[in-house]
Amino acid sequence: PTDSLQAYGQSNNIYKRLIIGEFGINNTYSPQDRTTFYDAVRTMVDTDPRCMGALAWSGYDVGPSKDMQWGLFDPQRQLRTDISQPFSTFPVQLLT
């Protein structure tokens, strides 16, 4: 991710558009850290005119341990409460 941000900021890339693909933060982080992370991605989508959108990592977990729990939904298929509010505020943009 750091390399991508550095490349995005270079002068020869100022006219390139960006879609943040497959972002997420696993459950080894605190609920506050997870919320902050989603808020930061949403802020970039909202404020950077070159950013065309973001795609959340997955709708489900890839495994049972916390380091494999990236999904928007918990095992009971409920939207995870720590990320539900920031995720629900992401803008919808149609690419043209």
Protein backbone atom coordinates (compact mmCIF):
# COMPACT_ATOMS: atom_id res chain seq x y z
CA PRO A 1 0.00 0.00 0.00
CA THR A 2 2.77 2.47 0.77
CA ASP A 3 4.37 1.88 -2.64
CA SER A 4 1.03 2.48 -4.31
CA LEU A 5 0.51 5.76 -2.45
CA GLN A 6 4.01 6.90 -3.36
CA ALA A 7 3.43 6.08 -7.04
CA TYR A 8 0.04 7.81 -6.94
CA GLY A 9 1.67 10.97 -5.61
CA GLN A 10 4.39 11.25 -8.28
CA SER A 11 4.07 14.13 -10.72
CA ASN A 12 3.88 11.86 -13.77
CA ASN A 13 0.76 10.25 -12.30
CA ILE A 14 -1.27 13.37 -11.50
CA TYR A 15 -3.83 12.69 -14.24
CA LYS A 16 -4.30 9.00 -13.50
CA ARG A 17 -7.45 7.76 -11.82
CA LEU A 18 -7.42 5.29 -8.96
CA ILE A 19 -9.77 2.61 -7.73
CA ILE A 20 -8.86 1.23 -4.33
CA GLY A 21 -9.26 -2.49 -4.76
CA GLU A 22 -9.86 -5.07 -2.08
CA PHE A 23 -9.18 -2.97 0.99
CA GLY A 24 -9.89 -4.11 4.51
CA ILE A 25 -8.55 -4.56 8.01
CA ASN A 26 -8.77 -7.79 9.95
CA ASN A 27 -10.15 -8.48 13.42
CA THR A 28 -6.76 -8.50 15.15
CA TYR A 29 -7.19 -4.71 15.30
CA SER A 30 -9.49 -2.95 17.75
CA PRO A 31 -12.98 -1.90 16.64
CA GLN A 32 -11.84 1.74 16.83
CA ASP A 33 -8.84 1.04 14.57
CA ARG A 34 -11.10 -0.75 12.08
CA THR A 35 -13.57 2.13 12.06
CA THR A 36 -10.76 4.65 11.64
CA PHE A 37 -9.35 2.67 8.72
CA TYR A 38 -12.71 2.56 6.90
CA ASP A 39 -13.21 6.27 7.60
CA ALA A 40 -9.79 7.04 6.08
CA VAL A 41 -10.58 5.13 2.89
CA ARG A 42 -13.99 6.81 2.64
CA THR A 43 -12.37 10.24 3.13
CA MET A 44 -9.98 9.56 0.26
CA VAL A 45 -12.86 8.50 -1.99
CA ASP A 46 -14.84 11.60 -0.96
CA THR A 47 -12.08 14.18 -1.27
CA ASP A 48 -9.68 13.07 -4.00
CA PRO A 49 -11.22 13.73 -7.42
CA ARG A 50 -8.89 11.16 -8.99
CA CYS A 51 -10.15 8.40 -6.68
CA MET A 52 -13.02 6.69 -8.47
CA GLY A 53 -14.05 4.41 -5.63
CA ALA A 54 -13.09 1.57 -3.33
CA LEU A 55 -13.95 -2.11 -3.15
CA ALA A 56 -14.22 -3.72 0.28
CA TRP A 57 -12.12 -6.86 0.66
CA SER A 58 -14.87 -9.43 0.99
CA GLY A 59 -18.34 -10.10 2.19
CA TYR A 60 -17.15 -13.07 4.24
CA ASP A 61 -14.17 -14.21 6.28
CA VAL A 62 -11.48 -16.33 4.71
CA GLY A 63 -10.93 -18.39 7.87
CA PRO A 64 -11.89 -18.82 11.52
CA SER A 65 -8.98 -17.00 13.20
CA LYS A 66 -9.08 -13.24 13.77
CA ASP A 67 -6.25 -12.61 11.31
CA MET A 68 -8.42 -14.21 8.62
CA GLN A 69 -11.58 -12.26 9.48
CA TRP A 70 -11.70 -9.48 6.89
CA GLY A 71 -15.34 -9.77 5.93
CA LEU A 72 -18.03 -7.16 6.22
CA PHE A 73 -20.29 -9.83 7.75
CA ASP A 74 -19.74 -11.99 10.83
CA PRO A 75 -20.30 -15.78 10.91
CA GLN A 76 -23.99 -15.16 11.72
CA ARG A 77 -24.26 -13.14 8.49
CA GLN A 78 -24.72 -9.86 10.34
CA LEU A 79 -22.90 -6.73 9.22
CA ARG A 80 -20.05 -6.15 11.64
CA THR A 81 -21.01 -3.26 13.88
CA ASP A 82 -17.59 -1.61 14.03
CA ILE A 83 -17.42 -1.09 10.27
CA SER A 84 -21.09 -0.96 9.32
CA GLN A 85 -21.56 2.77 9.86
CA PRO A 86 -18.46 3.97 7.99
CA PHE A 87 -19.05 1.46 5.19
CA SER A 88 -22.67 2.57 4.79
CA THR A 89 -21.51 6.15 4.19
CA PHE A 90 -19.28 5.32 1.21
CA PRO A 91 -20.41 7.26 -1.85
CA VAL A 92 -21.74 5.47 -4.87
CA GLN A 93 -20.05 6.62 -8.07
CA LEU A 94 -20.80 5.47 -11.56
CA LEU A 95 -17.75 5.31 -13.80
CA THR A 96 -18.24 6.87 -17.19
